[in-house]
Amino acid sequence: MSQEHLVLLGDSILDNAPYTRPRPDTTSLLRQLIGERWTVELVALDGSRMVDIAEQVMRIDRPSTAVLSIGGNDATKHIGMLSKPATSSAAVIGELLSMADDFGRRYEAVLDQTIPVVSRLIVCTIYEVRLEPLEIGRLARVPIALLNDRILRAAAARGLDVLDLRAVCTEDADFTLEIEPSALGAAKIAHAIAGVVEMRADRYGRVFGP
């Protein structure tokens, strides 16, 4: 029986073994879940940003389905805006929109350099992290929502399926060190990916949760 090939691209959302040990990481669990039908290759690297995806894509050397989770580390550079004084609500909204527009342009470029080298690309949204203090974590949902809007728009324009990690990692226990997947979160991500990659349909552009 021939096997299909699955490549995991992106950051620590998929390269999460340092945060799940001694329990299995997402890659190990995927090999258990779909290993009879798929080979699973981890190319994602903890700490990666969108600019790093080009190098990851160069490592794909055969027809592959790829899952991409990227953008969270790019978003962290904007975290300071949540606590700085605002001159006006218009200024805050303007800064948020500028951030989202810049993110969107760079995310679209990542998709356009990845799509030609894979047989199918599935993209992930950015999950809602559990930042401390709690008020900062609550406010962070606003810029994350704007960035996810750009991810969804870019994916829809290209007919890509989306795995919405906001609907997968929903409990405090899904996270460790505030922003990383715990063993529980990594397991949920693995099961969600397994469900999406094995789904067959004649159309794409769908959004999946758990």
N, C-alpha and C. Protein backbone atom coordinates (compact mmCIF):
# COMPACT_ATOMS: atom_id res chain seq x y z
N MET A 1 0.85 -1.20 0.00
CA MET A 1 0.00 0.00 0.00
C MET A 1 0.88 1.24 0.00
N SER A 2 0.69 2.11 -1.00
CA SER A 2 1.48 3.32 -1.08
C SER A 2 1.04 4.31 0.00
N GLN A 3 2.01 5.07 0.49
CA GLN A 3 1.74 6.05 1.53
C GLN A 3 1.77 7.44 0.95
N GLU A 4 0.92 8.29 1.48
CA GLU A 4 0.96 9.70 1.16
C GLU A 4 1.88 10.39 2.16
N HIS A 5 2.33 11.58 1.78
CA HIS A 5 3.34 12.28 2.58
C HIS A 5 2.74 13.56 3.17
N LEU A 6 2.91 13.73 4.47
CA LEU A 6 2.44 14.92 5.18
C LEU A 6 3.63 15.68 5.73
N VAL A 7 3.71 16.96 5.42
CA VAL A 7 4.78 17.83 5.92
C VAL A 7 4.17 18.86 6.86
N LEU A 8 4.81 19.05 8.00
CA LEU A 8 4.38 20.06 8.97
C LEU A 8 5.33 21.25 8.88
N LEU A 9 4.78 22.40 8.53
CA LEU A 9 5.55 23.63 8.35
C LEU A 9 5.16 24.65 9.41
N GLY A 10 6.11 25.48 9.82
CA GLY A 10 5.75 26.58 10.71
C GLY A 10 6.61 26.66 11.95
N ASP A 11 5.95 26.81 13.11
CA ASP A 11 6.64 27.14 14.35
C ASP A 11 6.33 26.12 15.45
N SER A 12 6.41 26.55 16.70
CA SER A 12 6.28 25.62 17.83
C SER A 12 4.87 25.10 18.02
N ILE A 13 3.89 25.64 17.33
CA ILE A 13 2.56 25.05 17.39
C ILE A 13 2.61 23.61 16.87
N LEU A 14 3.50 23.35 15.93
CA LEU A 14 3.68 22.00 15.39
C LEU A 14 4.99 21.37 15.86
N ASP A 15 6.01 22.15 16.07
CA ASP A 15 7.29 21.65 16.60
C ASP A 15 7.26 21.82 18.12
N ASN A 16 6.49 20.96 18.78
CA ASN A 16 6.19 21.22 20.19
C ASN A 16 6.75 20.18 21.16
N ALA A 17 7.65 19.32 20.72
CA ALA A 17 8.20 18.30 21.62
C ALA A 17 8.84 18.88 22.89
N PRO A 18 9.54 20.03 22.82
CA PRO A 18 10.13 20.56 24.05
C PRO A 18 9.10 20.90 25.13
N TYR A 19 7.85 21.08 24.72
CA TYR A 19 6.82 21.52 25.66
C TYR A 19 5.89 20.38 26.09
N THR A 20 6.02 19.22 25.46
CA THR A 20 5.14 18.10 25.79
C THR A 20 5.86 16.97 26.54
N ARG A 21 7.19 16.95 26.49
CA ARG A 21 7.94 15.86 27.12
C ARG A 21 7.56 15.74 28.60
N PRO A 22 7.45 14.49 29.09
CA PRO A 22 7.77 13.21 28.45
C PRO A 22 6.62 12.61 27.63
N ARG A 23 5.53 13.35 27.49
CA ARG A 23 4.40 12.83 26.71
C ARG A 23 4.63 13.12 25.23
N PRO A 24 3.91 12.45 24.34
CA PRO A 24 4.16 12.59 22.90
C PRO A 24 3.85 13.99 22.38
N ASP A 25 4.57 14.39 21.35
CA ASP A 25 4.31 15.66 20.68
C ASP A 25 3.35 15.42 19.51
N THR A 26 3.01 16.49 18.82
CA THR A 26 2.04 16.40 17.72
C THR A 26 2.53 15.47 16.61
N THR A 27 3.81 15.57 16.24
CA THR A 27 4.33 14.73 15.17
C THR A 27 4.25 13.25 15.52
N SER A 28 4.68 12.90 16.74
CA SER A 28 4.64 11.50 17.16
C SER A 28 3.22 10.96 17.17
N LEU A 29 2.29 11.78 17.65
CA LEU A 29 0.90 11.34 17.70
C LEU A 29 0.33 11.17 16.30
N LEU A 30 0.69 12.05 15.39
CA LEU A 30 0.21 11.91 14.01
C LEU A 30 0.71 10.61 13.39
N ARG A 31 1.94 10.26 13.68
CA ARG A 31 2.48 9.01 13.14
C ARG A 31 1.72 7.81 13.69
N GLN A 32 1.25 7.91 14.92
CA GLN A 32 0.44 6.84 15.49
C GLN A 32 -0.96 6.82 14.86
N LEU A 33 -1.51 8.01 14.64
CA LEU A 33 -2.89 8.12 14.18
C LEU A 33 -3.06 7.75 12.71
N ILE A 34 -2.12 8.16 11.86
CA ILE A 34 -2.30 7.99 10.41
C ILE A 34 -1.11 7.30 9.75
N GLY A 35 -0.22 6.75 10.56
CA GLY A 35 1.04 6.24 10.04
C GLY A 35 0.93 5.10 9.06
N GLU A 36 -0.16 4.35 9.08
CA GLU A 36 -0.30 3.27 8.10
C GLU A 36 -0.53 3.81 6.70
N ARG A 37 -1.07 4.99 6.62
CA ARG A 37 -1.43 5.56 5.32
C ARG A 37 -0.56 6.74 4.92
N TRP A 38 0.15 7.31 5.91
CA TRP A 38 0.93 8.52 5.67
C TRP A 38 2.32 8.41 6.28
N THR A 39 3.29 9.05 5.63
CA THR A 39 4.54 9.38 6.30
C THR A 39 4.42 10.82 6.77
N VAL A 40 4.93 11.09 7.93
CA VAL A 40 4.81 12.42 8.54
C VAL A 40 6.20 12.99 8.75
N GLU A 41 6.45 14.16 8.16
CA GLU A 41 7.76 14.81 8.26
C GLU A 41 7.61 16.15 8.96
N LEU A 42 8.37 16.34 10.04
CA LEU A 42 8.37 17.61 10.75
C LEU A 42 9.45 18.52 10.18
N VAL A 43 9.03 19.61 9.55
CA VAL A 43 9.95 20.62 9.05
C VAL A 43 9.81 21.91 9.86
N ALA A 44 8.66 22.09 10.49
CA ALA A 44 8.43 23.26 11.35
C ALA A 44 9.52 23.35 12.41
N LEU A 45 9.83 24.58 12.82
CA LEU A 45 10.90 24.81 13.79
C LEU A 45 10.45 25.84 14.81
N ASP A 46 10.56 25.47 16.06
CA ASP A 46 10.22 26.36 17.17
C ASP A 46 10.88 27.73 16.98
N GLY A 47 10.10 28.79 17.15
CA GLY A 47 10.62 30.14 17.03
C GLY A 47 10.53 30.75 15.65
N SER A 48 10.09 29.98 14.66
CA SER A 48 10.06 30.48 13.28
C SER A 48 9.04 31.60 13.11
N ARG A 49 9.36 32.49 12.19
CA ARG A 49 8.46 33.55 11.75
C ARG A 49 8.17 33.37 10.27
N MET A 50 7.33 34.22 9.74
CA MET A 50 6.94 34.06 8.34
C MET A 50 8.14 34.12 7.40
N VAL A 51 9.13 34.92 7.73
CA VAL A 51 10.31 35.05 6.87
C VAL A 51 11.08 33.74 6.77
N ASP A 52 10.89 32.83 7.72
CA ASP A 52 11.63 31.56 7.74
C ASP A 52 10.99 30.47 6.91
N ILE A 53 9.78 30.68 6.44
CA ILE A 53 9.06 29.61 5.74
C ILE A 53 9.71 29.27 4.40
N ALA A 54 10.28 30.24 3.73
CA ALA A 54 10.92 29.96 2.43
C ALA A 54 11.98 28.88 2.58
N GLU A 55 12.78 28.94 3.64
CA GLU A 55 13.81 27.92 3.86
C GLU A 55 13.18 26.57 4.17
N GLN A 56 12.08 26.56 4.93
CA GLN A 56 11.40 25.30 5.21
C GLN A 56 10.83 24.68 3.94
N VAL A 57 10.24 25.51 3.09
CA VAL A 57 9.64 25.01 1.86
C VAL A 57 10.69 24.36 0.95
N MET A 58 11.90 24.87 0.97
CA MET A 58 12.97 24.32 0.15
C MET A 58 13.30 22.88 0.52
N ARG A 59 12.89 22.45 1.70
CA ARG A 59 13.18 21.09 2.15
C ARG A 59 12.14 20.07 1.66
N ILE A 60 11.06 20.54 1.06
CA ILE A 60 10.05 19.63 0.54
C ILE A 60 10.54 19.05 -0.79
N ASP A 61 10.73 17.74 -0.82
CA ASP A 61 11.35 17.14 -2.00
C ASP A 61 10.49 16.08 -2.68
N ARG A 62 9.19 16.02 -2.32
CA ARG A 62 8.29 15.07 -2.98
C ARG A 62 6.87 15.59 -2.86
N PRO A 63 5.94 15.07 -3.69
CA PRO A 63 4.55 15.53 -3.60
C PRO A 63 4.02 15.34 -2.18
N SER A 64 3.48 16.40 -1.62
CA SER A 64 3.13 16.38 -0.21
C SER A 64 1.86 17.17 0.06
N THR A 65 1.15 16.72 1.08
CA THR A 65 0.16 17.57 1.74
C THR A 65 0.90 18.29 2.85
N ALA A 66 0.70 19.59 2.95
CA ALA A 66 1.40 20.38 3.97
C ALA A 66 0.40 21.06 4.89
N VAL A 67 0.73 21.06 6.17
CA VAL A 67 -0.01 21.84 7.16
C VAL A 67 0.90 22.97 7.61
N LEU A 68 0.40 24.18 7.55
CA LEU A 68 1.19 25.36 7.88
C LEU A 68 0.59 26.09 9.07
N SER A 69 1.38 26.26 10.12
CA SER A 69 0.97 27.08 11.26
C SER A 69 2.07 28.10 11.51
N ILE A 70 1.80 29.36 11.13
CA ILE A 70 2.80 30.41 11.24
C ILE A 70 2.10 31.74 11.51
N GLY A 71 2.82 32.65 12.12
CA GLY A 71 2.28 33.99 12.36
C GLY A 71 2.24 34.38 13.82
N GLY A 72 2.20 33.38 14.71
CA GLY A 72 2.13 33.71 16.13
C GLY A 72 3.34 34.46 16.63
N ASN A 73 4.53 34.03 16.19
CA ASN A 73 5.74 34.72 16.63
C ASN A 73 5.85 36.11 16.01
N ASP A 74 5.31 36.28 14.82
CA ASP A 74 5.28 37.62 14.21
C ASP A 74 4.37 38.53 15.01
N ALA A 75 3.29 37.96 15.56
CA ALA A 75 2.33 38.77 16.32
C ALA A 75 2.90 39.23 17.65
N THR A 76 3.83 38.47 18.23
CA THR A 76 4.32 38.81 19.57
C THR A 76 5.03 40.16 19.61
N LYS A 77 5.59 40.61 18.48
CA LYS A 77 6.28 41.90 18.49
C LYS A 77 5.33 43.06 18.71
N HIS A 78 4.03 42.80 18.56
CA HIS A 78 3.03 43.86 18.74
C HIS A 78 2.39 43.83 20.13
N ILE A 79 2.86 42.93 21.00
CA ILE A 79 2.18 42.75 22.28
C ILE A 79 2.25 44.01 23.14
N GLY A 80 3.31 44.81 22.94
CA GLY A 80 3.47 46.02 23.72
C GLY A 80 2.36 47.04 23.52
N MET A 81 1.69 46.98 22.38
CA MET A 81 0.64 47.95 22.11
C MET A 81 -0.56 47.76 23.03
N LEU A 82 -0.65 46.60 23.68
CA LEU A 82 -1.79 46.34 24.55
C LEU A 82 -1.71 47.10 25.87
N SER A 83 -0.52 47.55 26.23
CA SER A 83 -0.36 48.22 27.52
C SER A 83 0.08 49.67 27.42
N LYS A 84 0.30 50.18 26.20
CA LYS A 84 0.75 51.56 26.12
C LYS A 84 -0.44 52.51 26.07
N PRO A 85 -0.29 53.72 26.60
CA PRO A 85 -1.39 54.68 26.60
C PRO A 85 -1.81 55.04 25.17
N ALA A 86 -3.11 55.21 24.99
CA ALA A 86 -3.63 55.56 23.66
C ALA A 86 -4.04 57.03 23.63
N THR A 87 -3.69 57.71 22.55
CA THR A 87 -4.08 59.10 22.42
C THR A 87 -5.55 59.24 22.04
N SER A 88 -6.07 58.27 21.30
CA SER A 88 -7.47 58.28 20.90
C SER A 88 -7.86 56.90 20.42
N SER A 89 -9.16 56.64 20.40
CA SER A 89 -9.62 55.36 19.89
C SER A 89 -9.31 55.22 18.40
N ALA A 90 -9.35 56.33 17.67
CA ALA A 90 -9.03 56.28 16.24
C ALA A 90 -7.57 55.88 16.03
N ALA A 91 -6.69 56.37 16.91
CA ALA A 91 -5.27 56.02 16.79
C ALA A 91 -5.06 54.54 17.05
N VAL A 92 -5.76 54.00 18.05
CA VAL A 92 -5.65 52.58 18.36
C VAL A 92 -6.13 51.74 17.19
N ILE A 93 -7.30 52.08 16.64
CA ILE A 93 -7.85 51.32 15.52
C ILE A 93 -6.93 51.41 14.31
N GLY A 94 -6.39 52.61 14.07
CA GLY A 94 -5.47 52.78 12.95
C GLY A 94 -4.23 51.93 13.09
N GLU A 95 -3.69 51.85 14.31
CA GLU A 95 -2.50 51.03 14.53
C GLU A 95 -2.82 49.55 14.35
N LEU A 96 -3.97 49.13 14.83
CA LEU A 96 -4.38 47.74 14.66
C LEU A 96 -4.54 47.37 13.18
N LEU A 97 -5.16 48.26 12.42
CA LEU A 97 -5.37 47.99 11.01
C LEU A 97 -4.05 47.96 10.24
N SER A 98 -3.13 48.85 10.60
CA SER A 98 -1.82 48.84 9.94
C SER A 98 -1.09 47.54 10.23
N MET A 99 -1.17 47.10 11.49
CA MET A 99 -0.56 45.83 11.87
C MET A 99 -1.15 44.69 11.06
N ALA A 100 -2.49 44.64 10.97
CA ALA A 100 -3.16 43.55 10.26
C ALA A 100 -2.85 43.58 8.76
N ASP A 101 -2.82 44.77 8.17
CA ASP A 101 -2.54 44.88 6.74
C ASP A 101 -1.13 44.41 6.42
N ASP A 102 -0.16 44.80 7.25
CA ASP A 102 1.22 44.36 7.04
C ASP A 102 1.32 42.86 7.20
N PHE A 103 0.69 42.32 8.23
CA PHE A 103 0.68 40.87 8.44
C PHE A 103 0.06 40.17 7.23
N GLY A 104 -1.07 40.68 6.76
CA GLY A 104 -1.75 40.06 5.64
C GLY A 104 -0.90 39.99 4.39
N ARG A 105 -0.20 41.06 4.09
CA ARG A 105 0.66 41.07 2.90
C ARG A 105 1.76 40.02 3.01
N ARG A 106 2.36 39.93 4.17
CA ARG A 106 3.45 38.97 4.35
C ARG A 106 2.91 37.54 4.39
N TYR A 107 1.73 37.34 4.95
CA TYR A 107 1.15 36.00 4.99
C TYR A 107 0.77 35.54 3.58
N GLU A 108 0.22 36.42 2.78
CA GLU A 108 -0.11 36.07 1.40
C GLU A 108 1.14 35.65 0.63
N ALA A 109 2.25 36.35 0.88
CA ALA A 109 3.50 35.99 0.20
C ALA A 109 3.96 34.58 0.61
N VAL A 110 3.77 34.24 1.89
CA VAL A 110 4.12 32.90 2.36
C VAL A 110 3.28 31.85 1.63
N LEU A 111 1.99 32.09 1.53
CA LEU A 111 1.12 31.13 0.83
C LEU A 111 1.53 30.99 -0.63
N ASP A 112 1.82 32.09 -1.27
CA ASP A 112 2.11 32.05 -2.70
C ASP A 112 3.45 31.36 -3.00
N GLN A 113 4.36 31.34 -2.03
CA GLN A 113 5.62 30.62 -2.27
C GLN A 113 5.51 29.14 -1.87
N THR A 114 4.47 28.80 -1.09
CA THR A 114 4.31 27.42 -0.64
C THR A 114 3.41 26.61 -1.56
N ILE A 115 2.33 27.21 -2.03
CA ILE A 115 1.34 26.50 -2.84
C ILE A 115 1.95 25.78 -4.04
N PRO A 116 2.88 26.39 -4.80
CA PRO A 116 3.38 25.71 -6.00
C PRO A 116 4.16 24.43 -5.74
N VAL A 117 4.63 24.22 -4.51
CA VAL A 117 5.50 23.07 -4.27
C VAL A 117 4.82 21.96 -3.48
N VAL A 118 3.53 22.11 -3.19
CA VAL A 118 2.80 21.06 -2.47
C VAL A 118 1.56 20.68 -3.26
N SER A 119 1.06 19.48 -3.00
CA SER A 119 -0.14 19.04 -3.68
C SER A 119 -1.40 19.57 -2.99
N ARG A 120 -1.31 19.82 -1.70
CA ARG A 120 -2.42 20.39 -0.95
C ARG A 120 -1.85 21.14 0.24
N LEU A 121 -2.35 22.33 0.49
CA LEU A 121 -1.90 23.14 1.63
C LEU A 121 -3.09 23.41 2.55
N ILE A 122 -2.90 23.09 3.82
CA ILE A 122 -3.89 23.37 4.86
C ILE A 122 -3.25 24.38 5.82
N VAL A 123 -3.92 25.47 6.07
CA VAL A 123 -3.36 26.49 6.95
C VAL A 123 -4.10 26.51 8.28
N CYS A 124 -3.39 26.94 9.30
CA CYS A 124 -3.95 27.01 10.65
C CYS A 124 -4.10 28.47 11.08
N THR A 125 -5.17 28.74 11.81
CA THR A 125 -5.28 30.05 12.44
C THR A 125 -4.37 30.11 13.67
N ILE A 126 -4.25 31.29 14.24
CA ILE A 126 -3.48 31.49 15.47
C ILE A 126 -4.43 31.30 16.65
N TYR A 127 -4.08 30.42 17.56
CA TYR A 127 -4.99 30.21 18.68
C TYR A 127 -4.90 31.36 19.69
N GLU A 128 -5.89 31.43 20.57
CA GLU A 128 -5.97 32.51 21.56
C GLU A 128 -5.19 32.10 22.79
N VAL A 129 -4.02 32.71 22.96
CA VAL A 129 -3.10 32.33 24.03
C VAL A 129 -3.60 32.79 25.39
N ARG A 130 -3.04 32.21 26.43
CA ARG A 130 -3.43 32.51 27.81
C ARG A 130 -2.36 33.38 28.47
N LEU A 131 -2.30 34.65 28.07
CA LEU A 131 -1.28 35.55 28.59
C LEU A 131 -1.62 36.00 30.00
N GLU A 132 -0.57 36.33 30.75
CA GLU A 132 -0.71 36.94 32.07
C GLU A 132 -0.16 38.36 32.01
N PRO A 133 -0.79 39.31 32.72
CA PRO A 133 -2.00 39.16 33.51
C PRO A 133 -3.23 38.88 32.63
N LEU A 134 -4.30 38.45 33.27
CA LEU A 134 -5.49 38.02 32.54
C LEU A 134 -6.05 39.12 31.65
N GLU A 135 -5.96 40.36 32.08
CA GLU A 135 -6.50 41.45 31.29
C GLU A 135 -5.76 41.59 29.96
N ILE A 136 -4.44 41.41 30.00
CA ILE A 136 -3.66 41.45 28.76
C ILE A 136 -4.07 40.30 27.85
N GLY A 137 -4.28 39.12 28.43
CA GLY A 137 -4.72 37.99 27.63
C GLY A 137 -6.07 38.24 26.99
N ARG A 138 -6.96 38.90 27.72
CA ARG A 138 -8.28 39.20 27.17
C ARG A 138 -8.16 40.20 26.02
N LEU A 139 -7.35 41.23 26.21
CA LEU A 139 -7.18 42.24 25.16
C LEU A 139 -6.48 41.66 23.93
N ALA A 140 -5.61 40.69 24.13
CA ALA A 140 -4.86 40.11 23.01
C ALA A 140 -5.77 39.45 22.00
N ARG A 141 -6.97 39.08 22.42
CA ARG A 141 -7.89 38.44 21.48
C ARG A 141 -8.28 39.38 20.34
N VAL A 142 -8.20 40.70 20.56
CA VAL A 142 -8.59 41.64 19.51
C VAL A 142 -7.58 41.63 18.35
N PRO A 143 -6.27 41.89 18.60
CA PRO A 143 -5.34 41.81 17.46
C PRO A 143 -5.25 40.41 16.87
N ILE A 144 -5.36 39.37 17.68
CA ILE A 144 -5.32 38.01 17.14
C ILE A 144 -6.49 37.80 16.18
N ALA A 145 -7.66 38.33 16.54
CA ALA A 145 -8.82 38.19 15.65
C ALA A 145 -8.56 38.88 14.31
N LEU A 146 -7.92 40.03 14.34
CA LEU A 146 -7.62 40.74 13.10
C LEU A 146 -6.63 39.97 12.24
N LEU A 147 -5.62 39.39 12.88
CA LEU A 147 -4.65 38.60 12.13
C LEU A 147 -5.29 37.35 11.55
N ASN A 148 -6.15 36.72 12.34
CA ASN A 148 -6.85 35.54 11.82
C ASN A 148 -7.78 35.89 10.67
N ASP A 149 -8.35 37.08 10.70
CA ASP A 149 -9.16 37.53 9.58
C ASP A 149 -8.32 37.56 8.30
N ARG A 150 -7.08 38.02 8.42
CA ARG A 150 -6.22 38.06 7.24
C ARG A 150 -5.85 36.65 6.78
N ILE A 151 -5.63 35.74 7.73
CA ILE A 151 -5.35 34.35 7.37
C ILE A 151 -6.54 33.75 6.63
N LEU A 152 -7.73 33.94 7.16
CA LEU A 152 -8.93 33.37 6.54
C LEU A 152 -9.18 33.97 5.16
N ARG A 153 -8.99 35.27 5.02
CA ARG A 153 -9.18 35.91 3.72
C ARG A 153 -8.18 35.37 2.69
N ALA A 154 -6.91 35.29 3.11
CA ALA A 154 -5.88 34.81 2.18
C ALA A 154 -6.14 33.37 1.77
N ALA A 155 -6.56 32.55 2.73
CA ALA A 155 -6.85 31.14 2.43
C ALA A 155 -8.06 31.02 1.51
N ALA A 156 -9.11 31.78 1.79
CA ALA A 156 -10.32 31.71 0.98
C ALA A 156 -10.04 32.14 -0.46
N ALA A 157 -9.23 33.17 -0.63
CA ALA A 157 -8.92 33.65 -1.98
C ALA A 157 -8.17 32.62 -2.80
N ARG A 158 -7.51 31.68 -2.11
CA ARG A 158 -6.72 30.66 -2.80
C ARG A 158 -7.34 29.27 -2.72
N GLY A 159 -8.55 29.19 -2.16
CA GLY A 159 -9.25 27.92 -2.09
C GLY A 159 -8.63 26.91 -1.15
N LEU A 160 -7.99 27.39 -0.08
CA LEU A 160 -7.31 26.50 0.86
C LEU A 160 -8.21 26.14 2.03
N ASP A 161 -8.03 24.94 2.54
CA ASP A 161 -8.70 24.55 3.76
C ASP A 161 -7.99 25.18 4.96
N VAL A 162 -8.77 25.46 6.00
CA VAL A 162 -8.25 26.09 7.21
C VAL A 162 -8.60 25.24 8.42
N LEU A 163 -7.61 24.99 9.26
CA LEU A 163 -7.85 24.36 10.56
C LEU A 163 -7.86 25.48 11.59
N ASP A 164 -9.01 25.75 12.18
CA ASP A 164 -9.15 26.86 13.13
C ASP A 164 -8.73 26.39 14.52
N LEU A 165 -7.49 26.69 14.89
CA LEU A 165 -6.97 26.25 16.17
C LEU A 165 -7.64 26.94 17.35
N ARG A 166 -8.34 28.03 17.09
CA ARG A 166 -9.10 28.67 18.18
C ARG A 166 -10.20 27.76 18.69
N ALA A 167 -10.70 26.88 17.82
CA ALA A 167 -11.75 25.94 18.21
C ALA A 167 -11.17 24.62 18.69
N VAL A 168 -9.86 24.43 18.56
CA VAL A 168 -9.21 23.19 18.97
C VAL A 168 -8.63 23.33 20.38
N CYS A 169 -7.86 24.38 20.59
CA CYS A 169 -7.24 24.63 21.90
C CYS A 169 -8.07 25.69 22.61
N THR A 170 -8.94 25.24 23.50
CA THR A 170 -9.93 26.13 24.12
C THR A 170 -9.84 26.17 25.64
N GLU A 171 -9.00 25.33 26.24
CA GLU A 171 -8.92 25.24 27.69
C GLU A 171 -7.55 25.69 28.19
N ASP A 172 -7.49 26.17 29.42
CA ASP A 172 -6.21 26.59 29.99
C ASP A 172 -5.20 25.46 29.95
N ALA A 173 -5.65 24.23 30.14
CA ALA A 173 -4.75 23.07 30.17
C ALA A 173 -4.13 22.77 28.81
N ASP A 174 -4.63 23.40 27.75
CA ASP A 174 -4.07 23.19 26.42
C ASP A 174 -2.77 23.95 26.20
N PHE A 175 -2.39 24.81 27.17
CA PHE A 175 -1.24 25.70 27.00
C PHE A 175 -0.24 25.51 28.13
N THR A 176 1.03 25.78 27.81
CA THR A 176 2.08 25.84 28.81
C THR A 176 2.96 27.04 28.49
N LEU A 177 3.59 27.61 29.51
CA LEU A 177 4.41 28.81 29.32
C LEU A 177 3.62 29.90 28.59
N GLU A 178 2.35 29.97 28.88
CA GLU A 178 1.41 30.96 28.35
C GLU A 178 1.06 30.77 26.88
N ILE A 179 2.06 30.52 26.02
CA ILE A 179 1.79 30.56 24.58
C ILE A 179 2.07 29.26 23.85
N GLU A 180 2.64 28.25 24.54
CA GLU A 180 3.03 27.02 23.86
C GLU A 180 1.98 25.92 24.07
N PRO A 181 1.89 24.97 23.14
CA PRO A 181 0.96 23.86 23.34
C PRO A 181 1.46 22.94 24.45
N SER A 182 0.59 22.59 25.36
CA SER A 182 0.91 21.57 26.36
C SER A 182 0.77 20.20 25.70
N ALA A 183 1.03 19.14 26.47
CA ALA A 183 0.82 17.80 25.94
C ALA A 183 -0.64 17.60 25.52
N LEU A 184 -1.56 18.14 26.31
CA LEU A 184 -2.98 18.03 25.95
C LEU A 184 -3.27 18.82 24.68
N GLY A 185 -2.76 20.04 24.60
CA GLY A 185 -2.98 20.84 23.40
C GLY A 185 -2.38 20.21 22.16
N ALA A 186 -1.17 19.66 22.30
CA ALA A 186 -0.51 19.01 21.17
C ALA A 186 -1.32 17.81 20.69
N ALA A 187 -1.91 17.07 21.63
CA ALA A 187 -2.74 15.92 21.25
C ALA A 187 -3.99 16.37 20.51
N LYS A 188 -4.61 17.44 20.98
CA LYS A 188 -5.79 17.95 20.30
C LYS A 188 -5.44 18.40 18.88
N ILE A 189 -4.30 19.06 18.73
CA ILE A 189 -3.87 19.53 17.41
C ILE A 189 -3.63 18.34 16.49
N ALA A 190 -2.98 17.29 17.01
CA ALA A 190 -2.72 16.10 16.19
C ALA A 190 -4.00 15.46 15.71
N HIS A 191 -4.97 15.29 16.59
CA HIS A 191 -6.23 14.67 16.19
C HIS A 191 -6.97 15.53 15.17
N ALA A 192 -6.91 16.85 15.36
CA ALA A 192 -7.58 17.74 14.41
C ALA A 192 -6.93 17.67 13.03
N ILE A 193 -5.59 17.66 12.99
CA ILE A 193 -4.89 17.55 11.71
C ILE A 193 -5.20 16.23 11.04
N ALA A 194 -5.18 15.15 11.81
CA ALA A 194 -5.47 13.84 11.23
C ALA A 194 -6.85 13.82 10.57
N GLY A 195 -7.82 14.43 11.22
CA GLY A 195 -9.15 14.47 10.65
C GLY A 195 -9.22 15.25 9.35
N VAL A 196 -8.48 16.35 9.26
CA VAL A 196 -8.53 17.19 8.07
C VAL A 196 -7.75 16.57 6.91
N VAL A 197 -6.55 16.05 7.17
CA VAL A 197 -5.73 15.58 6.05
C VAL A 197 -6.32 14.34 5.40
N GLU A 198 -7.07 13.54 6.15
CA GLU A 198 -7.63 12.34 5.57
C GLU A 198 -8.98 12.56 4.91
N MET A 199 -9.51 13.77 5.05
CA MET A 199 -10.81 14.06 4.43
C MET A 199 -10.62 14.26 2.94
N ARG A 200 -11.49 13.67 2.17
CA ARG A 200 -11.45 13.80 0.72
C ARG A 200 -12.72 14.50 0.25
N ALA A 201 -12.57 15.45 -0.63
CA ALA A 201 -13.73 16.15 -1.18
C ALA A 201 -13.34 16.76 -2.50
N ASP A 202 -14.34 17.15 -3.30
CA ASP A 202 -14.05 17.73 -4.60
C ASP A 202 -13.97 19.24 -4.54
N ARG A 203 -14.03 19.79 -3.34
CA ARG A 203 -13.88 21.25 -3.21
C ARG A 203 -13.10 21.54 -1.94
N TYR A 204 -12.44 22.67 -1.97
CA TYR A 204 -11.64 23.07 -0.81
C TYR A 204 -12.13 24.43 -0.34
N GLY A 205 -11.40 25.05 0.56
CA GLY A 205 -11.79 26.34 1.09
C GLY A 205 -12.70 26.22 2.29
N ARG A 206 -12.64 25.08 2.99
CA ARG A 206 -13.47 24.87 4.16
C ARG A 206 -12.71 25.24 5.43
N VAL A 207 -13.46 25.55 6.49
CA VAL A 207 -12.86 25.85 7.79
C VAL A 207 -13.25 24.74 8.74
N PHE A 208 -12.24 24.15 9.39
CA PHE A 208 -12.45 23.01 10.27
C PHE A 208 -12.13 23.39 11.71
N GLY A 209 -12.89 22.81 12.63
CA GLY A 209 -12.58 22.88 14.05
C GLY A 209 -12.21 21.50 14.52
N PRO A 210 -12.52 21.16 15.78
CA PRO A 210 -12.15 19.85 16.31
C PRO A 210 -12.87 18.72 15.58
